[in-house]
């Protein structure tokens, strides 16, 4: 298991910066170590603090997010970046991806999209730092998208990355989970996990078991069909 992921926020809008900090606080594996309001200050702090992950806006004074990204790469600063921005120009997103950003979160966004992005990053880091060697199957599982997903347009509110995270956890565990247990494993809220499990039940992917006890209602346990 990897240690807490040190995270730095670069955002000139105080309200958005606070939202990102509040969202980050809900993610148990991430710690906020700093915040900058412009690209120039961000560069100095990132070089000094050496965070593992930077949540980076694009439109900022001094240096834009893309300009900062160029400088970081030219200086060989080993840091991962998730773009969190209102910049939707294709050439900006394309350049950011060329510079190796992990993900792009476009404003406006909610906690679920933020959570999905950081959960994917955590899964990626776990793969890099827990395996003695990486096999093709490990990479395929990280980026897995089934043929069914490619052919079927997912309904509104069902994100393919989140769906993959939940599917992969169920496949890896090879046992049944309650909604609460699964929520803790994937670090996603119980409300969101329940929504995705219900979607998977509709697609005949889930086996439902009932665990009876002397008190109260039976406990519902979910596992993935093999």
C-alpha atoms as a PDB file:
ATOM      1  CA  UNK A   1       0.000   0.000   0.000  1.00  0.00           C
ATOM      2  CA  UNK A   2       1.377   3.431  -0.909  1.00  0.00           C
ATOM      3  CA  UNK A   3       1.751   6.226   1.647  1.00  0.00           C
ATOM      4  CA  UNK A   4      -0.295   9.429   1.627  1.00  0.00           C
ATOM      5  CA  UNK A   5      -0.086  11.158  -1.739  1.00  0.00           C
ATOM      6  CA  UNK A   6       1.236  14.698  -1.277  1.00  0.00           C
ATOM      7  CA  UNK A   7      -0.820  17.100  -3.368  1.00  0.00           C
ATOM      8  CA  UNK A   8      -0.369  20.747  -4.383  1.00  0.00           C
ATOM      9  CA  UNK A   9      -3.166  22.983  -5.723  1.00  0.00           C
ATOM     10  CA  UNK A  10      -2.521  25.711  -8.304  1.00  0.00           C
ATOM     11  CA  UNK A  11      -5.642  27.849  -8.634  1.00  0.00           C
ATOM     12  CA  UNK A  12      -6.116  31.639  -8.695  1.00  0.00           C
ATOM     13  CA  UNK A  13      -9.832  31.583  -7.848  1.00  0.00           C
ATOM     14  CA  UNK A  14     -10.146  31.350  -4.017  1.00  0.00           C
ATOM     15  CA  UNK A  15     -13.579  29.727  -4.191  1.00  0.00           C
ATOM     16  CA  UNK A  16     -12.463  27.002  -6.604  1.00  0.00           C
ATOM     17  CA  UNK A  17      -9.274  26.469  -4.596  1.00  0.00           C
ATOM     18  CA  UNK A  18     -11.367  25.911  -1.464  1.00  0.00           C
ATOM     19  CA  UNK A  19     -13.678  23.494  -3.290  1.00  0.00           C
ATOM     20  CA  UNK A  20     -10.664  21.492  -4.476  1.00  0.00           C
ATOM     21  CA  UNK A  21      -9.179  21.499  -0.957  1.00  0.00           C
ATOM     22  CA  UNK A  22     -12.502  20.375   0.533  1.00  0.00           C
ATOM     23  CA  UNK A  23     -12.863  17.624  -2.068  1.00  0.00           C
ATOM     24  CA  UNK A  24      -9.275  16.518  -1.452  1.00  0.00           C
ATOM     25  CA  UNK A  25      -9.921  16.288   2.275  1.00  0.00           C
ATOM     26  CA  UNK A  26     -12.592  13.664   1.571  1.00  0.00           C
ATOM     27  CA  UNK A  27     -10.000  11.489  -0.169  1.00  0.00           C
ATOM     28  CA  UNK A  28      -8.312   9.574   2.626  1.00  0.00           C
ATOM     29  CA  UNK A  29      -5.128   8.749   0.703  1.00  0.00           C
ATOM     30  CA  UNK A  30      -4.296  12.347  -0.277  1.00  0.00           C
ATOM     31  CA  UNK A  31      -2.776  15.183   1.757  1.00  0.00           C
ATOM     32  CA  UNK A  32      -2.675  18.854   0.769  1.00  0.00           C
ATOM     33  CA  UNK A  33       0.802  20.331   1.253  1.00  0.00           C
ATOM     34  CA  UNK A  34       0.430  23.718  -0.440  1.00  0.00           C
ATOM     35  CA  UNK A  35      -1.451  26.134  -2.670  1.00  0.00           C
ATOM     36  CA  UNK A  36      -0.386  28.821  -5.138  1.00  0.00           C
ATOM     37  CA  UNK A  37      -2.478  31.527  -6.829  1.00  0.00           C
ATOM     38  CA  UNK A  38      -0.226  32.038  -9.860  1.00  0.00           C
ATOM     39  CA  UNK A  39       2.141  30.053 -12.033  1.00  0.00           C
ATOM     40  CA  UNK A  40       5.343  31.789 -10.934  1.00  0.00           C
ATOM     41  CA  UNK A  41       4.744  31.182  -7.216  1.00  0.00           C
ATOM     42  CA  UNK A  42       3.588  27.643  -8.001  1.00  0.00           C
ATOM     43  CA  UNK A  43       6.845  26.844  -9.810  1.00  0.00           C
ATOM     44  CA  UNK A  44       8.963  27.898  -6.844  1.00  0.00           C
ATOM     45  CA  UNK A  45       6.835  26.020  -4.307  1.00  0.00           C
ATOM     46  CA  UNK A  46       6.605  22.849  -6.409  1.00  0.00           C
ATOM     47  CA  UNK A  47      10.386  22.757  -6.861  1.00  0.00           C
ATOM     48  CA  UNK A  48      10.882  23.239  -3.115  1.00  0.00           C
ATOM     49  CA  UNK A  49       8.088  21.007  -1.785  1.00  0.00           C
ATOM     50  CA  UNK A  50       8.284  18.247  -4.424  1.00  0.00           C
ATOM     51  CA  UNK A  51       4.647  17.081  -4.245  1.00  0.00           C
ATOM     52  CA  UNK A  52       3.684  13.848  -5.963  1.00  0.00           C
ATOM     53  CA  UNK A  53       0.591  15.359  -7.571  1.00  0.00           C
ATOM     54  CA  UNK A  54      -0.362  18.857  -8.752  1.00  0.00           C
ATOM     55  CA  UNK A  55      -3.950  19.929  -9.435  1.00  0.00           C
ATOM     56  CA  UNK A  56      -3.357  22.591 -12.056  1.00  0.00           C
ATOM     57  CA  UNK A  57      -5.533  25.374 -13.453  1.00  0.00           C
ATOM     58  CA  UNK A  58      -4.696  26.870 -16.867  1.00  0.00           C
ATOM     59  CA  UNK A  59      -5.789  30.516 -16.871  1.00  0.00           C
ATOM     60  CA  UNK A  60      -3.639  32.245 -14.235  1.00  0.00           C
ATOM     61  CA  UNK A  61      -1.442  35.351 -13.901  1.00  0.00           C
ATOM     62  CA  UNK A  62       2.381  35.284 -14.173  1.00  0.00           C
ATOM     63  CA  UNK A  63       2.529  31.875 -15.893  1.00  0.00           C
ATOM     64  CA  UNK A  64      -0.407  29.997 -17.349  1.00  0.00           C
ATOM     65  CA  UNK A  65      -0.886  26.369 -16.386  1.00  0.00           C
ATOM     66  CA  UNK A  66       0.375  25.195 -19.771  1.00  0.00           C
ATOM     67  CA  UNK A  67       3.470  27.419 -19.515  1.00  0.00           C
ATOM     68  CA  UNK A  68       4.118  26.097 -16.004  1.00  0.00           C
ATOM     69  CA  UNK A  69       3.739  22.539 -17.285  1.00  0.00           C
ATOM     70  CA  UNK A  70       6.339  23.228 -20.008  1.00  0.00           C
ATOM     71  CA  UNK A  71       8.811  24.606 -17.446  1.00  0.00           C
ATOM     72  CA  UNK A  72       8.308  21.667 -15.087  1.00  0.00           C
ATOM     73  CA  UNK A  73       8.955  19.191 -17.893  1.00  0.00           C
ATOM     74  CA  UNK A  74      11.985  21.140 -19.187  1.00  0.00           C
ATOM     75  CA  UNK A  75      13.430  21.180 -15.669  1.00  0.00           C
ATOM     76  CA  UNK A  76      12.742  17.444 -15.270  1.00  0.00           C
ATOM     77  CA  UNK A  77      10.681  18.043 -12.130  1.00  0.00           C
ATOM     78  CA  UNK A  78       9.238  14.629 -11.343  1.00  0.00           C
ATOM     79  CA  UNK A  79       5.620  15.464 -10.562  1.00  0.00           C
ATOM     80  CA  UNK A  80       2.303  14.172 -11.842  1.00  0.00           C
ATOM     81  CA  UNK A  81      -0.353  16.640 -12.954  1.00  0.00           C
ATOM     82  CA  UNK A  82      -4.131  16.583 -13.203  1.00  0.00           C
ATOM     83  CA  UNK A  83      -5.529  19.542 -15.098  1.00  0.00           C
ATOM     84  CA  UNK A  84      -8.537  21.148 -13.356  1.00  0.00           C
ATOM     85  CA  UNK A  85      -9.650  23.951 -15.632  1.00  0.00           C
ATOM     86  CA  UNK A  86     -12.272  25.792 -17.628  1.00  0.00           C
ATOM     87  CA  UNK A  87      -9.921  25.762 -20.630  1.00  0.00           C
ATOM     88  CA  UNK A  88     -11.713  23.705 -23.260  1.00  0.00           C
ATOM     89  CA  UNK A  89      -9.725  24.678 -26.355  1.00  0.00           C
ATOM     90  CA  UNK A  90      -8.671  21.437 -28.071  1.00  0.00           C
ATOM     91  CA  UNK A  91      -5.098  22.623 -28.685  1.00  0.00           C
ATOM     92  CA  UNK A  92      -4.603  23.341 -24.954  1.00  0.00           C
ATOM     93  CA  UNK A  93      -5.934  19.955 -23.877  1.00  0.00           C
ATOM     94  CA  UNK A  94      -3.849  18.272 -26.572  1.00  0.00           C
ATOM     95  CA  UNK A  95      -0.663  20.010 -25.407  1.00  0.00           C
ATOM     96  CA  UNK A  96      -1.392  19.154 -21.779  1.00  0.00           C
ATOM     97  CA  UNK A  97      -1.776  15.486 -22.713  1.00  0.00           C
ATOM     98  CA  UNK A  98       1.454  15.628 -24.715  1.00  0.00           C
ATOM     99  CA  UNK A  99       3.158  16.836 -21.547  1.00  0.00           C
ATOM    100  CA  UNK A 100       1.870  13.764 -19.749  1.00  0.00           C
ATOM    101  CA  UNK A 101      -1.001  14.993 -17.582  1.00  0.00           C
ATOM    102  CA  UNK A 102      -2.792  12.123 -15.872  1.00  0.00           C
ATOM    103  CA  UNK A 103      -6.286  13.483 -16.473  1.00  0.00           C
ATOM    104  CA  UNK A 104      -8.232  16.620 -17.408  1.00  0.00           C
ATOM    105  CA  UNK A 105     -11.174  17.724 -15.255  1.00  0.00           C
ATOM    106  CA  UNK A 106     -13.175  20.443 -16.979  1.00  0.00           C
ATOM    107  CA  UNK A 107     -15.092  23.052 -14.981  1.00  0.00           C
ATOM    108  CA  UNK A 108     -17.809  22.945 -13.818  1.00  0.00           C
ATOM    109  CA  UNK A 109     -17.451  19.562 -12.139  1.00  0.00           C
ATOM    110  CA  UNK A 110     -18.757  17.791  -9.046  1.00  0.00           C
ATOM    111  CA  UNK A 111     -17.140  15.654  -6.386  1.00  0.00           C
ATOM    112  CA  UNK A 112     -17.853  12.414  -8.244  1.00  0.00           C
ATOM    113  CA  UNK A 113     -15.718  13.398 -11.258  1.00  0.00           C
ATOM    114  CA  UNK A 114     -12.980  14.722  -8.978  1.00  0.00           C
ATOM    115  CA  UNK A 115     -13.084  11.535  -6.919  1.00  0.00           C
ATOM    116  CA  UNK A 116     -12.947   9.317 -10.005  1.00  0.00           C
ATOM    117  CA  UNK A 117      -9.840  11.069 -11.293  1.00  0.00           C
ATOM    118  CA  UNK A 118      -7.960  10.846  -8.014  1.00  0.00           C
ATOM    119  CA  UNK A 119      -9.040   7.252  -7.396  1.00  0.00           C
ATOM    120  CA  UNK A 120      -7.630   6.340 -10.820  1.00  0.00           C
ATOM    121  CA  UNK A 121      -4.377   8.125  -9.954  1.00  0.00           C
ATOM    122  CA  UNK A 122      -4.138   6.265  -6.643  1.00  0.00           C
ATOM    123  CA  UNK A 123      -4.715   2.950  -8.427  1.00  0.00           C
ATOM    124  CA  UNK A 124      -1.967   3.832 -10.906  1.00  0.00           C
ATOM    125  CA  UNK A 125       0.468   4.717  -8.115  1.00  0.00           C
ATOM    126  CA  UNK A 126      -0.343   1.523  -6.262  1.00  0.00           C
ATOM    127  CA  UNK A 127       0.515  -0.459  -9.384  1.00  0.00           C
ATOM    128  CA  UNK A 128       3.841   1.354  -9.831  1.00  0.00           C
ATOM    129  CA  UNK A 129       4.927   1.008  -6.189  1.00  0.00           C
ATOM    130  CA  UNK A 130       3.598  -2.380  -5.085  1.00  0.00           C
ATOM    131  CA  UNK A 131       4.434  -4.753  -7.942  1.00  0.00           C
ATOM    132  CA  UNK A 132       7.913  -6.248  -8.453  1.00  0.00           C
ATOM    133  CA  UNK A 133       7.312  -6.071 -12.203  1.00  0.00           C
ATOM    134  CA  UNK A 134       4.481  -4.859 -14.394  1.00  0.00           C
ATOM    135  CA  UNK A 135       2.788  -7.255 -16.778  1.00  0.00           C
ATOM    136  CA  UNK A 136       0.687  -6.377 -19.777  1.00  0.00           C
ATOM    137  CA  UNK A 137      -2.378  -7.593 -17.887  1.00  0.00           C
ATOM    138  CA  UNK A 138      -1.693  -5.040 -15.111  1.00  0.00           C
ATOM    139  CA  UNK A 139      -1.633  -2.202 -17.631  1.00  0.00           C
ATOM    140  CA  UNK A 140      -4.701  -3.558 -19.391  1.00  0.00           C
ATOM    141  CA  UNK A 141      -6.576  -3.733 -16.095  1.00  0.00           C
ATOM    142  CA  UNK A 142      -5.600  -0.148 -15.242  1.00  0.00           C
ATOM    143  CA  UNK A 143      -6.991   1.163 -18.513  1.00  0.00           C
ATOM    144  CA  UNK A 144      -9.532  -1.586 -19.054  1.00  0.00           C
ATOM    145  CA  UNK A 145     -12.586  -0.808 -21.150  1.00  0.00           C
ATOM    146  CA  UNK A 146     -14.661  -3.824 -22.165  1.00  0.00           C
ATOM    147  CA  UNK A 147     -15.991  -4.301 -25.671  1.00  0.00           C
ATOM    148  CA  UNK A 148     -19.476  -3.933 -24.225  1.00  0.00           C
ATOM    149  CA  UNK A 149     -18.623  -0.466 -22.887  1.00  0.00           C
ATOM    150  CA  UNK A 150     -17.221   0.583 -26.253  1.00  0.00           C
ATOM    151  CA  UNK A 151     -20.410  -0.402 -28.073  1.00  0.00           C
ATOM    152  CA  UNK A 152     -22.960   0.778 -25.508  1.00  0.00           C
ATOM    153  CA  UNK A 153     -23.435   4.438 -24.631  1.00  0.00           C
ATOM    154  CA  UNK A 154     -23.483   4.590 -20.847  1.00  0.00           C
ATOM    155  CA  UNK A 155     -26.462   6.372 -19.288  1.00  0.00           C
ATOM    156  CA  UNK A 156     -26.108   9.843 -17.826  1.00  0.00           C
ATOM    157  CA  UNK A 157     -24.422   9.739 -14.419  1.00  0.00           C
ATOM    158  CA  UNK A 158     -22.454   6.539 -15.098  1.00  0.00           C
ATOM    159  CA  UNK A 159     -18.797   7.364 -15.630  1.00  0.00           C
ATOM    160  CA  UNK A 160     -16.719   4.670 -17.417  1.00  0.00           C
ATOM    161  CA  UNK A 161     -13.648   5.207 -15.199  1.00  0.00           C
ATOM    162  CA  UNK A 162     -15.674   4.819 -11.987  1.00  0.00           C
ATOM    163  CA  UNK A 163     -17.459   1.792 -13.424  1.00  0.00           C
ATOM    164  CA  UNK A 164     -14.114   0.196 -14.272  1.00  0.00           C
ATOM    165  CA  UNK A 165     -12.761   0.859 -10.767  1.00  0.00           C
ATOM    166  CA  UNK A 166     -15.732  -0.892  -9.156  1.00  0.00           C
ATOM    167  CA  UNK A 167     -15.653  -3.796 -11.619  1.00  0.00           C
ATOM    168  CA  UNK A 168     -11.920  -4.294 -11.095  1.00  0.00           C
ATOM    169  CA  UNK A 169     -12.266  -4.284  -7.307  1.00  0.00           C
ATOM    170  CA  UNK A 170     -14.996  -6.931  -7.451  1.00  0.00           C
ATOM    171  CA  UNK A 171     -12.965  -9.075  -9.856  1.00  0.00           C
ATOM    172  CA  UNK A 172      -9.808  -8.762  -7.773  1.00  0.00           C
ATOM    173  CA  UNK A 173     -11.492  -9.551  -4.459  1.00  0.00           C
ATOM    174  CA  UNK A 174     -13.203 -12.751  -5.627  1.00  0.00           C
ATOM    175  CA  UNK A 175     -15.682 -12.430  -2.759  1.00  0.00           C
ATOM    176  CA  UNK A 176     -18.936 -10.707  -1.920  1.00  0.00           C
ATOM    177  CA  UNK A 177     -19.133  -7.146  -0.584  1.00  0.00           C
ATOM    178  CA  UNK A 178     -21.813  -5.096   1.086  1.00  0.00           C
ATOM    179  CA  UNK A 179     -22.242  -1.604  -0.356  1.00  0.00           C
ATOM    180  CA  UNK A 180     -20.461  -0.132   2.680  1.00  0.00           C
ATOM    181  CA  UNK A 181     -17.515  -2.549   2.399  1.00  0.00           C
ATOM    182  CA  UNK A 182     -17.103  -1.915  -1.321  1.00  0.00           C
ATOM    183  CA  UNK A 183     -17.304   1.839  -0.726  1.00  0.00           C
ATOM    184  CA  UNK A 184     -14.364   1.648   1.694  1.00  0.00           C
ATOM    185  CA  UNK A 185     -12.285  -0.432  -0.724  1.00  0.00           C
ATOM    186  CA  UNK A 186     -12.720   1.836  -3.749  1.00  0.00           C
ATOM    187  CA  UNK A 187     -12.844   5.053  -1.636  1.00  0.00           C
ATOM    188  CA  UNK A 188     -16.064   6.211  -3.274  1.00  0.00           C
ATOM    189  CA  UNK A 189     -19.213   7.257  -1.411  1.00  0.00           C
ATOM    190  CA  UNK A 190     -21.818   4.587  -0.597  1.00  0.00           C
ATOM    191  CA  UNK A 191     -24.436   6.560  -2.547  1.00  0.00           C
ATOM    192  CA  UNK A 192     -22.284   6.464  -5.692  1.00  0.00           C
ATOM    193  CA  UNK A 193     -21.328   2.790  -5.257  1.00  0.00           C
ATOM    194  CA  UNK A 194     -25.001   1.862  -4.836  1.00  0.00           C
ATOM    195  CA  UNK A 195     -25.865   3.652  -8.090  1.00  0.00           C
ATOM    196  CA  UNK A 196     -23.165   1.748 -10.003  1.00  0.00           C
ATOM    197  CA  UNK A 197     -24.102  -1.603  -8.446  1.00  0.00           C
ATOM    198  CA  UNK A 198     -27.733  -1.014  -9.488  1.00  0.00           C
ATOM    199  CA  UNK A 199     -26.527  -0.283 -13.025  1.00  0.00           C
ATOM    200  CA  UNK A 200     -24.465  -3.491 -13.044  1.00  0.00           C
ATOM    201  CA  UNK A 201     -27.451  -5.492 -11.733  1.00  0.00           C
ATOM    202  CA  UNK A 202     -29.524  -4.169 -14.656  1.00  0.00           C
ATOM    203  CA  UNK A 203     -26.776  -5.422 -16.987  1.00  0.00           C
ATOM    204  CA  UNK A 204     -26.763  -8.864 -15.324  1.00  0.00           C
ATOM    205  CA  UNK A 205     -23.181  -8.481 -14.050  1.00  0.00           C
ATOM    206  CA  UNK A 206     -23.870  -8.939 -10.341  1.00  0.00           C
ATOM    207  CA  UNK A 207     -24.729 -11.880  -8.093  1.00  0.00           C
ATOM    208  CA  UNK A 208     -26.784 -10.911  -5.040  1.00  0.00           C
ATOM    209  CA  UNK A 209     -26.488 -12.992  -1.852  1.00  0.00           C
ATOM    210  CA  UNK A 210     -28.314 -12.529   1.441  1.00  0.00           C
ATOM    211  CA  UNK A 211     -26.558 -13.039   4.755  1.00  0.00           C
ATOM    212  CA  UNK A 212     -29.020 -13.778   7.527  1.00  0.00           C
ATOM    213  CA  UNK A 213     -28.543 -13.065  11.230  1.00  0.00           C
ATOM    214  CA  UNK A 214     -30.663 -13.245  14.368  1.00  0.00           C
ATOM    215  CA  UNK A 215     -31.268  -9.506  14.338  1.00  0.00           C
ATOM    216  CA  UNK A 216     -32.798  -7.250  11.717  1.00  0.00           C
ATOM    217  CA  UNK A 217     -32.960  -7.604   7.977  1.00  0.00           C
ATOM    218  CA  UNK A 218     -30.599  -9.826   5.993  1.00  0.00           C
ATOM    219  CA  UNK A 219     -27.395  -8.216   4.796  1.00  0.00           C
ATOM    220  CA  UNK A 220     -27.131  -7.800   1.016  1.00  0.00           C
ATOM    221  CA  UNK A 221     -23.804  -8.923  -0.464  1.00  0.00           C
ATOM    222  CA  UNK A 222     -22.718  -8.342  -4.054  1.00  0.00           C
ATOM    223  CA  UNK A 223     -20.171 -10.147  -6.206  1.00  0.00           C
ATOM    224  CA  UNK A 224     -19.388 -10.040  -9.900  1.00  0.00           C
ATOM    225  CA  UNK A 225     -20.416 -12.850 -12.235  1.00  0.00           C
ATOM    226  CA  UNK A 226     -17.498 -14.829 -13.605  1.00  0.00           C
END
